[in-house]
């Protein structure tokens, strides 16, 4: 597989799932750092959804490949790289910065 880079958006097979986890094959944004992505056989991702909930503070609205979507930071998870498929897009710098802020607010100090 080609280099897996932070803020790349790729297809990922999220099945099987349990409970309220997001399921099926869907786009995900890689949030793990490039240093880890080069050596580990896992990546940390946030799935994307086309079901928009603008009032949810755990979601970040973005446009991916010309389609309105939300990054579900509340559904962050670590996946085996074998679950990943083709690259779809990459977050723009402004969206990447907004995602870093959101993840820091949610999971930081």
PDB file of N, CA and C in Angstrom:
ATOM      1  N   UNK A   1       0.861  -1.179   0.000  1.00  0.00           N
ATOM      2  CA  UNK A   1       0.000   0.000   0.000  1.00  0.00           C
ATOM      3  C   UNK A   1       0.899   1.232   0.000  1.00  0.00           C
ATOM      4  N   UNK A   2       0.474   2.235  -0.737  1.00  0.00           N
ATOM      5  CA  UNK A   2       1.239   3.483  -0.774  1.00  0.00           C
ATOM      6  C   UNK A   2       1.287   4.117   0.608  1.00  0.00           C
ATOM      7  N   UNK A   3       2.114   5.150   0.749  1.00  0.00           N
ATOM      8  CA  UNK A   3       2.243   5.839   2.030  1.00  0.00           C
ATOM      9  C   UNK A   3       0.886   6.246   2.585  1.00  0.00           C
ATOM     10  N   UNK A   4       0.701   5.980   3.849  1.00  0.00           N
ATOM     11  CA  UNK A   4      -0.504   6.414   4.553  1.00  0.00           C
ATOM     12  C   UNK A   4      -0.146   7.703   5.271  1.00  0.00           C
ATOM     13  N   UNK A   5      -0.810   8.780   4.929  1.00  0.00           N
ATOM     14  CA  UNK A   5      -0.466  10.097   5.436  1.00  0.00           C
ATOM     15  C   UNK A   5      -1.593  10.664   6.271  1.00  0.00           C
ATOM     16  N   UNK A   6      -1.196  11.403   7.310  1.00  0.00           N
ATOM     17  CA  UNK A   6      -2.171  12.082   8.149  1.00  0.00           C
ATOM     18  C   UNK A   6      -3.022  13.017   7.293  1.00  0.00           C
ATOM     19  N   UNK A   7      -4.302  12.995   7.519  1.00  0.00           N
ATOM     20  CA  UNK A   7      -5.323  13.789   6.834  1.00  0.00           C
ATOM     21  C   UNK A   7      -5.675  13.270   5.443  1.00  0.00           C
ATOM     22  N   UNK A   8      -5.111  12.127   5.041  1.00  0.00           N
ATOM     23  CA  UNK A   8      -5.614  11.470   3.837  1.00  0.00           C
ATOM     24  C   UNK A   8      -7.002  10.934   4.146  1.00  0.00           C
ATOM     25  N   UNK A   9      -7.855  10.932   3.139  1.00  0.00           N
ATOM     26  CA  UNK A   9      -9.188  10.349   3.269  1.00  0.00           C
ATOM     27  C   UNK A   9      -9.212   9.117   2.378  1.00  0.00           C
ATOM     28  N   UNK A  10      -9.517   7.983   2.971  1.00  0.00           N
ATOM     29  CA  UNK A  10      -9.501   6.695   2.272  1.00  0.00           C
ATOM     30  C   UNK A  10     -10.781   5.924   2.563  1.00  0.00           C
ATOM     31  N   UNK A  11     -11.070   4.995   1.691  1.00  0.00           N
ATOM     32  CA  UNK A  11     -12.137   4.043   1.968  1.00  0.00           C
ATOM     33  C   UNK A  11     -11.651   3.096   3.048  1.00  0.00           C
ATOM     34  N   UNK A  12     -12.559   2.673   3.930  1.00  0.00           N
ATOM     35  CA  UNK A  12     -12.217   1.701   4.966  1.00  0.00           C
ATOM     36  C   UNK A  12     -13.408   0.793   5.221  1.00  0.00           C
ATOM     37  N   UNK A  13     -13.117  -0.475   5.409  1.00  0.00           N
ATOM     38  CA  UNK A  13     -14.142  -1.450   5.771  1.00  0.00           C
ATOM     39  C   UNK A  13     -14.226  -1.490   7.294  1.00  0.00           C
ATOM     40  N   UNK A  14     -15.302  -0.949   7.844  1.00  0.00           N
ATOM     41  CA  UNK A  14     -15.456  -0.858   9.298  1.00  0.00           C
ATOM     42  C   UNK A  14     -16.197  -2.047   9.899  1.00  0.00           C
ATOM     43  N   UNK A  15     -16.642  -2.986   9.073  1.00  0.00           N
ATOM     44  CA  UNK A  15     -17.341  -4.163   9.590  1.00  0.00           C
ATOM     45  C   UNK A  15     -16.331  -5.240   9.990  1.00  0.00           C
ATOM     46  N   UNK A  16     -16.597  -6.046  10.992  1.00  0.00           N
ATOM     47  CA  UNK A  16     -17.800  -6.049  11.813  1.00  0.00           C
ATOM     48  C   UNK A  16     -17.736  -4.978  12.902  1.00  0.00           C
ATOM     49  N   UNK A  17     -18.907  -4.558  13.307  1.00  0.00           N
ATOM     50  CA  UNK A  17     -19.028  -3.558  14.361  1.00  0.00           C
ATOM     51  C   UNK A  17     -19.874  -4.113  15.491  1.00  0.00           C
ATOM     52  N   UNK A  18     -19.900  -3.380  16.577  1.00  0.00           N
ATOM     53  CA  UNK A  18     -20.766  -3.723  17.692  1.00  0.00           C
ATOM     54  C   UNK A  18     -21.477  -2.466  18.156  1.00  0.00           C
ATOM     55  N   UNK A  19     -22.680  -2.633  18.658  1.00  0.00           N
ATOM     56  CA  UNK A  19     -23.421  -1.512  19.239  1.00  0.00           C
ATOM     57  C   UNK A  19     -23.606  -0.359  18.275  1.00  0.00           C
ATOM     58  N   UNK A  20     -23.268   0.847  18.731  1.00  0.00           N
ATOM     59  CA  UNK A  20     -23.517   2.071  17.966  1.00  0.00           C
ATOM     60  C   UNK A  20     -22.325   2.501  17.114  1.00  0.00           C
ATOM     61  N   UNK A  21     -21.347   1.606  16.899  1.00  0.00           N
ATOM     62  CA  UNK A  21     -20.209   1.947  16.043  1.00  0.00           C
ATOM     63  C   UNK A  21     -20.678   2.147  14.605  1.00  0.00           C
ATOM     64  N   UNK A  22     -20.011   3.066  13.893  1.00  0.00           N
ATOM     65  CA  UNK A  22     -20.320   3.260  12.474  1.00  0.00           C
ATOM     66  C   UNK A  22     -19.887   2.027  11.707  1.00  0.00           C
ATOM     67  N   UNK A  23     -20.746   1.609  10.794  1.00  0.00           N
ATOM     68  CA  UNK A  23     -20.522   0.359  10.066  1.00  0.00           C
ATOM     69  C   UNK A  23     -20.296   0.624   8.583  1.00  0.00           C
ATOM     70  N   UNK A  24     -20.116  -0.432   7.854  1.00  0.00           N
ATOM     71  CA  UNK A  24     -19.989  -0.556   6.400  1.00  0.00           C
ATOM     72  C   UNK A  24     -18.681   0.020   5.883  1.00  0.00           C
ATOM     73  N   UNK A  25     -18.502  -0.034   4.603  1.00  0.00           N
ATOM     74  CA  UNK A  25     -17.345   0.580   3.969  1.00  0.00           C
ATOM     75  C   UNK A  25     -17.677   2.039   3.742  1.00  0.00           C
ATOM     76  N   UNK A  26     -16.820   2.918   4.290  1.00  0.00           N
ATOM     77  CA  UNK A  26     -17.076   4.353   4.226  1.00  0.00           C
ATOM     78  C   UNK A  26     -15.748   5.085   4.235  1.00  0.00           C
ATOM     79  N   UNK A  27     -15.768   6.360   3.885  1.00  0.00           N
ATOM     80  CA  UNK A  27     -14.540   7.146   3.972  1.00  0.00           C
ATOM     81  C   UNK A  27     -14.151   7.397   5.431  1.00  0.00           C
ATOM     82  N   UNK A  28     -12.843   7.429   5.650  1.00  0.00           N
ATOM     83  CA  UNK A  28     -12.286   7.784   6.950  1.00  0.00           C
ATOM     84  C   UNK A  28     -11.137   8.752   6.716  1.00  0.00           C
ATOM     85  N   UNK A  29     -10.878   9.597   7.696  1.00  0.00           N
ATOM     86  CA  UNK A  29      -9.714  10.475   7.635  1.00  0.00           C
ATOM     87  C   UNK A  29      -8.688   9.956   8.638  1.00  0.00           C
ATOM     88  N   UNK A  30      -7.453   9.797   8.177  1.00  0.00           N
ATOM     89  CA  UNK A  30      -6.373   9.329   9.041  1.00  0.00           C
ATOM     90  C   UNK A  30      -5.946  10.482   9.944  1.00  0.00           C
ATOM     91  N   UNK A  31      -5.949  10.235  11.260  1.00  0.00           N
ATOM     92  CA  UNK A  31      -5.556  11.277  12.207  1.00  0.00           C
ATOM     93  C   UNK A  31      -4.270  10.931  12.946  1.00  0.00           C
ATOM     94  N   UNK A  32      -3.793   9.705  12.826  1.00  0.00           N
ATOM     95  CA  UNK A  32      -2.523   9.356  13.468  1.00  0.00           C
ATOM     96  C   UNK A  32      -1.374  10.034  12.736  1.00  0.00           C
ATOM     97  N   UNK A  33      -0.313  10.294  13.483  1.00  0.00           N
ATOM     98  CA  UNK A  33       0.829  11.026  12.940  1.00  0.00           C
ATOM     99  C   UNK A  33       1.606  10.180  11.925  1.00  0.00           C
ATOM    100  N   UNK A  34       2.223  10.850  10.965  1.00  0.00           N
ATOM    101  CA  UNK A  34       2.957  10.159   9.904  1.00  0.00           C
ATOM    102  C   UNK A  34       4.061   9.261  10.449  1.00  0.00           C
ATOM    103  N   UNK A  35       4.725   9.676  11.530  1.00  0.00           N
ATOM    104  CA  UNK A  35       5.789   8.868  12.119  1.00  0.00           C
ATOM    105  C   UNK A  35       5.260   7.504  12.546  1.00  0.00           C
ATOM    106  N   UNK A  36       4.047   7.473  13.085  1.00  0.00           N
ATOM    107  CA  UNK A  36       3.424   6.214  13.493  1.00  0.00           C
ATOM    108  C   UNK A  36       2.921   5.436  12.276  1.00  0.00           C
ATOM    109  N   UNK A  37       2.360   6.145  11.313  1.00  0.00           N
ATOM    110  CA  UNK A  37       1.804   5.486  10.130  1.00  0.00           C
ATOM    111  C   UNK A  37       2.883   4.747   9.340  1.00  0.00           C
ATOM    112  N   UNK A  38       4.130   5.212   9.418  1.00  0.00           N
ATOM    113  CA  UNK A  38       5.212   4.563   8.681  1.00  0.00           C
ATOM    114  C   UNK A  38       5.643   3.248   9.312  1.00  0.00           C
ATOM    115  N   UNK A  39       5.473   3.103  10.631  1.00  0.00           N
ATOM    116  CA  UNK A  39       6.032   1.920  11.305  1.00  0.00           C
ATOM    117  C   UNK A  39       4.988   0.953  11.865  1.00  0.00           C
ATOM    118  N   UNK A  40       3.798   1.442  12.159  1.00  0.00           N
ATOM    119  CA  UNK A  40       2.770   0.561  12.728  1.00  0.00           C
ATOM    120  C   UNK A  40       1.923  -0.059  11.627  1.00  0.00           C
ATOM    121  N   UNK A  41       1.281  -1.145  11.963  1.00  0.00           N
ATOM    122  CA  UNK A  41       0.364  -1.786  11.019  1.00  0.00           C
ATOM    123  C   UNK A  41      -1.081  -1.410  11.315  1.00  0.00           C
ATOM    124  N   UNK A  42      -1.214  -0.292  12.057  1.00  0.00           N
ATOM    125  CA  UNK A  42      -2.526   0.261  12.375  1.00  0.00           C
ATOM    126  C   UNK A  42      -2.488   1.766  12.122  1.00  0.00           C
ATOM    127  N   UNK A  43      -3.676   2.341  11.942  1.00  0.00           N
ATOM    128  CA  UNK A  43      -3.826   3.788  11.832  1.00  0.00           C
ATOM    129  C   UNK A  43      -5.035   4.184  12.666  1.00  0.00           C
ATOM    130  N   UNK A  44      -4.988   5.397  13.192  1.00  0.00           N
ATOM    131  CA  UNK A  44      -6.133   5.930  13.921  1.00  0.00           C
ATOM    132  C   UNK A  44      -6.895   6.839  12.972  1.00  0.00           C
ATOM    133  N   UNK A  45      -8.206   6.639  12.921  1.00  0.00           N
ATOM    134  CA  UNK A  45      -9.047   7.330  11.936  1.00  0.00           C
ATOM    135  C   UNK A  45     -10.311   7.864  12.588  1.00  0.00           C
ATOM    136  N   UNK A  46     -10.925   8.814  11.899  1.00  0.00           N
ATOM    137  CA  UNK A  46     -12.280   9.255  12.210  1.00  0.00           C
ATOM    138  C   UNK A  46     -13.113   8.987  10.965  1.00  0.00           C
ATOM    139  N   UNK A  47     -14.229   8.289  11.096  1.00  0.00           N
ATOM    140  CA  UNK A  47     -15.075   8.033   9.935  1.00  0.00           C
ATOM    141  C   UNK A  47     -15.817   9.284   9.490  1.00  0.00           C
ATOM    142  N   UNK A  48     -16.216   9.279   8.236  1.00  0.00           N
ATOM    143  CA  UNK A  48     -17.034  10.353   7.681  1.00  0.00           C
ATOM    144  C   UNK A  48     -18.440   9.838   7.448  1.00  0.00           C
ATOM    145  N   UNK A  49     -19.387  10.760   7.512  1.00  0.00           N
ATOM    146  CA  UNK A  49     -20.779  10.428   7.265  1.00  0.00           C
ATOM    147  C   UNK A  49     -21.413  11.509   6.412  1.00  0.00           C
ATOM    148  N   UNK A  50     -22.404  11.111   5.622  1.00  0.00           N
ATOM    149  CA  UNK A  50     -23.150  12.089   4.828  1.00  0.00           C
ATOM    150  C   UNK A  50     -24.421  12.514   5.552  1.00  0.00           C
ATOM    151  N   UNK A  51     -24.701  11.908   6.714  1.00  0.00           N
ATOM    152  CA  UNK A  51     -25.838  12.330   7.530  1.00  0.00           C
ATOM    153  C   UNK A  51     -25.356  13.485   8.408  1.00  0.00           C
ATOM    154  N   UNK A  52     -25.773  14.683   8.033  1.00  0.00           N
ATOM    155  CA  UNK A  52     -25.233  15.883   8.653  1.00  0.00           C
ATOM    156  C   UNK A  52     -25.996  16.265   9.916  1.00  0.00           C
ATOM    157  N   UNK A  53     -25.241  16.614  10.940  1.00  0.00           N
ATOM    158  CA  UNK A  53     -25.777  17.072  12.225  1.00  0.00           C
ATOM    159  C   UNK A  53     -24.986  18.310  12.636  1.00  0.00           C
ATOM    160  N   UNK A  54     -25.225  19.452  12.001  1.00  0.00           N
ATOM    161  CA  UNK A  54     -24.413  20.649  12.237  1.00  0.00           C
ATOM    162  C   UNK A  54     -24.376  21.115  13.689  1.00  0.00           C
ATOM    163  N   UNK A  55     -25.385  20.786  14.466  1.00  0.00           N
ATOM    164  CA  UNK A  55     -25.417  21.243  15.857  1.00  0.00           C
ATOM    165  C   UNK A  55     -24.578  20.351  16.780  1.00  0.00           C
ATOM    166  N   UNK A  56     -24.154  19.190  16.305  1.00  0.00           N
ATOM    167  CA  UNK A  56     -23.372  18.279  17.145  1.00  0.00           C
ATOM    168  C   UNK A  56     -21.957  18.811  17.261  1.00  0.00           C
ATOM    169  N   UNK A  57     -21.497  19.057  18.455  1.00  0.00           N
ATOM    170  CA  UNK A  57     -20.163  19.627  18.671  1.00  0.00           C
ATOM    171  C   UNK A  57     -19.053  18.612  18.452  1.00  0.00           C
ATOM    172  N   UNK A  58     -19.394  17.351  18.263  1.00  0.00           N
ATOM    173  CA  UNK A  58     -18.391  16.303  18.043  1.00  0.00           C
ATOM    174  C   UNK A  58     -18.187  16.010  16.567  1.00  0.00           C
ATOM    175  N   UNK A  59     -18.803  16.795  15.717  1.00  0.00           N
ATOM    176  CA  UNK A  59     -18.710  16.596  14.262  1.00  0.00           C
ATOM    177  C   UNK A  59     -18.140  17.831  13.602  1.00  0.00           C
ATOM    178  N   UNK A  60     -17.415  17.622  12.501  1.00  0.00           N
ATOM    179  CA  UNK A  60     -16.814  18.713  11.756  1.00  0.00           C
ATOM    180  C   UNK A  60     -17.260  18.613  10.302  1.00  0.00           C
ATOM    181  N   UNK A  61     -17.944  19.636   9.838  1.00  0.00           N
ATOM    182  CA  UNK A  61     -18.402  19.664   8.456  1.00  0.00           C
ATOM    183  C   UNK A  61     -17.255  19.918   7.494  1.00  0.00           C
ATOM    184  N   UNK A  62     -17.195  19.109   6.428  1.00  0.00           N
ATOM    185  CA  UNK A  62     -16.156  19.240   5.403  1.00  0.00           C
ATOM    186  C   UNK A  62     -16.770  18.909   4.046  1.00  0.00           C
ATOM    187  N   UNK A  63     -16.046  19.265   3.009  1.00  0.00           N
ATOM    188  CA  UNK A  63     -16.409  18.843   1.658  1.00  0.00           C
ATOM    189  C   UNK A  63     -15.343  17.864   1.195  1.00  0.00           C
ATOM    190  N   UNK A  64     -15.771  16.663   0.816  1.00  0.00           N
ATOM    191  CA  UNK A  64     -14.841  15.624   0.385  1.00  0.00           C
ATOM    192  C   UNK A  64     -15.237  15.173  -1.011  1.00  0.00           C
ATOM    193  N   UNK A  65     -14.314  15.342  -1.929  1.00  0.00           N
ATOM    194  CA  UNK A  65     -14.552  14.969  -3.327  1.00  0.00           C
ATOM    195  C   UNK A  65     -15.843  15.621  -3.829  1.00  0.00           C
ATOM    196  N   UNK A  66     -16.066  16.890  -3.415  1.00  0.00           N
ATOM    197  CA  UNK A  66     -17.226  17.645  -3.867  1.00  0.00           C
ATOM    198  C   UNK A  66     -18.523  17.322  -3.168  1.00  0.00           C
ATOM    199  N   UNK A  67     -18.465  16.560  -2.080  1.00  0.00           N
ATOM    200  CA  UNK A  67     -19.686  16.154  -1.367  1.00  0.00           C
ATOM    201  C   UNK A  67     -19.622  16.638   0.084  1.00  0.00           C
ATOM    202  N   UNK A  68     -20.725  17.210   0.572  1.00  0.00           N
ATOM    203  CA  UNK A  68     -20.791  17.633   1.968  1.00  0.00           C
ATOM    204  C   UNK A  68     -20.814  16.412   2.880  1.00  0.00           C
ATOM    205  N   UNK A  69     -19.970  16.438   3.890  1.00  0.00           N
ATOM    206  CA  UNK A  69     -19.831  15.327   4.830  1.00  0.00           C
ATOM    207  C   UNK A  69     -19.518  15.884   6.200  1.00  0.00           C
ATOM    208  N   UNK A  70     -19.522  15.004   7.178  1.00  0.00           N
ATOM    209  CA  UNK A  70     -19.066  15.354   8.516  1.00  0.00           C
ATOM    210  C   UNK A  70     -18.047  14.329   8.971  1.00  0.00           C
ATOM    211  N   UNK A  71     -16.997  14.830   9.612  1.00  0.00           N
ATOM    212  CA  UNK A  71     -16.033  13.952  10.269  1.00  0.00           C
ATOM    213  C   UNK A  71     -16.581  13.672  11.658  1.00  0.00           C
ATOM    214  N   UNK A  72     -16.746  12.397  11.974  1.00  0.00           N
ATOM    215  CA  UNK A  72     -17.308  11.988  13.265  1.00  0.00           C
ATOM    216  C   UNK A  72     -16.174  11.760  14.256  1.00  0.00           C
ATOM    217  N   UNK A  73     -15.735  12.841  14.909  1.00  0.00           N
ATOM    218  CA  UNK A  73     -14.649  12.734  15.881  1.00  0.00           C
ATOM    219  C   UNK A  73     -15.063  11.895  17.088  1.00  0.00           C
ATOM    220  N   UNK A  74     -16.360  11.774  17.333  1.00  0.00           N
ATOM    221  CA  UNK A  74     -16.859  10.956  18.436  1.00  0.00           C
ATOM    222  C   UNK A  74     -16.792   9.463  18.122  1.00  0.00           C
ATOM    223  N   UNK A  75     -16.426   9.106  16.909  1.00  0.00           N
ATOM    224  CA  UNK A  75     -16.334   7.701  16.505  1.00  0.00           C
ATOM    225  C   UNK A  75     -14.886   7.313  16.183  1.00  0.00           C
ATOM    226  N   UNK A  76     -13.914   8.035  16.738  1.00  0.00           N
ATOM    227  CA  UNK A  76     -12.499   7.762  16.483  1.00  0.00           C
ATOM    228  C   UNK A  76     -12.174   6.316  16.845  1.00  0.00           C
ATOM    229  N   UNK A  77     -11.339   5.688  16.008  1.00  0.00           N
ATOM    230  CA  UNK A  77     -10.940   4.313  16.298  1.00  0.00           C
ATOM    231  C   UNK A  77      -9.655   3.964  15.583  1.00  0.00           C
ATOM    232  N   UNK A  78      -9.015   2.909  16.028  1.00  0.00           N
ATOM    233  CA  UNK A  78      -7.780   2.435  15.414  1.00  0.00           C
ATOM    234  C   UNK A  78      -8.102   1.192  14.602  1.00  0.00           C
ATOM    235  N   UNK A  79      -7.581   1.187  13.358  1.00  0.00           N
ATOM    236  CA  UNK A  79      -7.849   0.100  12.412  1.00  0.00           C
ATOM    237  C   UNK A  79      -6.556  -0.525  11.922  1.00  0.00           C
ATOM    238  N   UNK A  80      -6.630  -1.771  11.560  1.00  0.00           N
ATOM    239  CA  UNK A  80      -5.538  -2.401  10.829  1.00  0.00           C
ATOM    240  C   UNK A  80      -5.448  -1.755   9.455  1.00  0.00           C
ATOM    241  N   UNK A  81      -4.238  -1.581   8.948  1.00  0.00           N
ATOM    242  CA  UNK A  81      -4.089  -0.989   7.618  1.00  0.00           C
ATOM    243  C   UNK A  81      -4.709  -1.881   6.545  1.00  0.00           C
ATOM    244  N   UNK A  82      -4.932  -3.158   6.852  1.00  0.00           N
ATOM    245  CA  UNK A  82      -5.562  -4.054   5.876  1.00  0.00           C
ATOM    246  C   UNK A  82      -7.022  -3.696   5.627  1.00  0.00           C
ATOM    247  N   UNK A  83      -7.628  -2.900   6.500  1.00  0.00           N
ATOM    248  CA  UNK A  83      -9.011  -2.458   6.306  1.00  0.00           C
ATOM    249  C   UNK A  83      -9.121  -1.277   5.339  1.00  0.00           C
ATOM    250  N   UNK A  84      -7.994  -0.649   5.009  1.00  0.00           N
ATOM    251  CA  UNK A  84      -8.012   0.556   4.183  1.00  0.00           C
ATOM    252  C   UNK A  84      -7.987   0.243   2.701  1.00  0.00           C
ATOM    253  N   UNK A  85      -8.690   1.097   1.951  1.00  0.00           N
ATOM    254  CA  UNK A  85      -8.716   0.996   0.502  1.00  0.00           C
ATOM    255  C   UNK A  85      -8.092   2.222  -0.136  1.00  0.00           C
ATOM    256  N   UNK A  86      -8.594   2.559  -1.299  1.00  0.00           N
ATOM    257  CA  UNK A  86      -8.040   3.643  -2.094  1.00  0.00           C
ATOM    258  C   UNK A  86      -8.194   5.002  -1.431  1.00  0.00           C
ATOM    259  N   UNK A  87      -7.253   5.879  -1.766  1.00  0.00           N
ATOM    260  CA  UNK A  87      -7.326   7.263  -1.326  1.00  0.00           C
ATOM    261  C   UNK A  87      -8.391   7.981  -2.137  1.00  0.00           C
ATOM    262  N   UNK A  88      -9.227   8.755  -1.449  1.00  0.00           N
ATOM    263  CA  UNK A  88     -10.308   9.511  -2.079  1.00  0.00           C
ATOM    264  C   UNK A  88      -9.923  10.973  -2.226  1.00  0.00           C
ATOM    265  N   UNK A  89      -9.324  11.517  -1.171  1.00  0.00           N
ATOM    266  CA  UNK A  89      -9.080  12.958  -1.108  1.00  0.00           C
ATOM    267  C   UNK A  89      -8.104  13.202   0.028  1.00  0.00           C
ATOM    268  N   UNK A  90      -7.889  14.456   0.344  1.00  0.00           N
ATOM    269  CA  UNK A  90      -7.070  14.867   1.482  1.00  0.00           C
ATOM    270  C   UNK A  90      -7.713  16.112   2.070  1.00  0.00           C
ATOM    271  N   UNK A  91      -7.699  16.210   3.400  1.00  0.00           N
ATOM    272  CA  UNK A  91      -8.263  17.399   4.030  1.00  0.00           C
ATOM    273  C   UNK A  91      -7.459  18.635   3.645  1.00  0.00           C
ATOM    274  N   UNK A  92      -8.162  19.725   3.424  1.00  0.00           N
ATOM    275  CA  UNK A  92      -7.488  21.004   3.208  1.00  0.00           C
ATOM    276  C   UNK A  92      -6.884  21.453   4.538  1.00  0.00           C
ATOM    277  N   UNK A  93      -5.881  22.314   4.463  1.00  0.00           N
ATOM    278  CA  UNK A  93      -5.172  22.756   5.663  1.00  0.00           C
ATOM    279  C   UNK A  93      -6.107  23.331   6.722  1.00  0.00           C
ATOM    280  N   UNK A  94      -7.077  24.139   6.303  1.00  0.00           N
ATOM    281  CA  UNK A  94      -8.009  24.753   7.250  1.00  0.00           C
ATOM    282  C   UNK A  94      -8.842  23.696   7.972  1.00  0.00           C
ATOM    283  N   UNK A  95      -9.315  22.695   7.241  1.00  0.00           N
ATOM    284  CA  UNK A  95     -10.103  21.620   7.856  1.00  0.00           C
ATOM    285  C   UNK A  95      -9.235  20.761   8.761  1.00  0.00           C
ATOM    286  N   UNK A  96      -7.989  20.514   8.368  1.00  0.00           N
ATOM    287  CA  UNK A  96      -7.076  19.734   9.201  1.00  0.00           C
ATOM    288  C   UNK A  96      -6.827  20.455  10.520  1.00  0.00           C
ATOM    289  N   UNK A  97      -6.626  21.760  10.477  1.00  0.00           N
ATOM    290  CA  UNK A  97      -6.414  22.538  11.697  1.00  0.00           C
ATOM    291  C   UNK A  97      -7.661  22.509  12.584  1.00  0.00           C
ATOM    292  N   UNK A  98      -8.832  22.622  11.982  1.00  0.00           N
ATOM    293  CA  UNK A  98     -10.092  22.566  12.744  1.00  0.00           C
ATOM    294  C   UNK A  98     -10.266  21.194  13.386  1.00  0.00           C
ATOM    295  N   UNK A  99      -9.890  20.129  12.683  1.00  0.00           N
ATOM    296  CA  UNK A  99      -9.992  18.790  13.243  1.00  0.00           C
ATOM    297  C   UNK A  99      -9.020  18.617  14.409  1.00  0.00           C
ATOM    298  N   UNK A 100      -7.808  19.115  14.283  1.00  0.00           N
ATOM    299  CA  UNK A 100      -6.852  19.056  15.404  1.00  0.00           C
ATOM    300  C   UNK A 100      -7.413  19.757  16.634  1.00  0.00           C
ATOM    301  N   UNK A 101      -8.005  20.935  16.443  1.00  0.00           N
ATOM    302  CA  UNK A 101      -8.596  21.667  17.577  1.00  0.00           C
ATOM    303  C   UNK A 101      -9.726  20.864  18.206  1.00  0.00           C
ATOM    304  N   UNK A 102     -10.599  20.300  17.376  1.00  0.00           N
ATOM    305  CA  UNK A 102     -11.726  19.526  17.891  1.00  0.00           C
ATOM    306  C   UNK A 102     -11.237  18.311  18.681  1.00  0.00           C
ATOM    307  N   UNK A 103     -10.273  17.578  18.141  1.00  0.00           N
ATOM    308  CA  UNK A 103      -9.756  16.392  18.836  1.00  0.00           C
ATOM    309  C   UNK A 103      -9.081  16.785  20.154  1.00  0.00           C
ATOM    310  N   UNK A 104      -8.392  17.916  20.163  1.00  0.00           N
ATOM    311  CA  UNK A 104      -7.766  18.399  21.392  1.00  0.00           C
ATOM    312  C   UNK A 104      -8.826  18.763  22.431  1.00  0.00           C
ATOM    313  N   UNK A 105      -9.897  19.432  21.989  1.00  0.00           N
ATOM    314  CA  UNK A 105     -10.976  19.781  22.912  1.00  0.00           C
ATOM    315  C   UNK A 105     -11.633  18.525  23.481  1.00  0.00           C
ATOM    316  N   UNK A 106     -11.814  17.515  22.640  1.00  0.00           N
ATOM    317  CA  UNK A 106     -12.525  16.318  23.066  1.00  0.00           C
ATOM    318  C   UNK A 106     -11.664  15.387  23.914  1.00  0.00           C
ATOM    319  N   UNK A 107     -10.390  15.224  23.543  1.00  0.00           N
ATOM    320  CA  UNK A 107      -9.573  14.187  24.156  1.00  0.00           C
ATOM    321  C   UNK A 107      -8.328  14.717  24.845  1.00  0.00           C
ATOM    322  N   UNK A 108      -8.072  16.024  24.743  1.00  0.00           N
ATOM    323  CA  UNK A 108      -6.890  16.613  25.377  1.00  0.00           C
ATOM    324  C   UNK A 108      -7.138  16.871  26.849  1.00  0.00           C
ATOM    325  N   UNK A 109      -6.296  17.692  27.403  1.00  0.00           N
ATOM    326  CA  UNK A 109      -6.389  18.004  28.828  1.00  0.00           C
ATOM    327  C   UNK A 109      -7.652  18.754  29.158  1.00  0.00           C
TER     328      UNK A 109
END
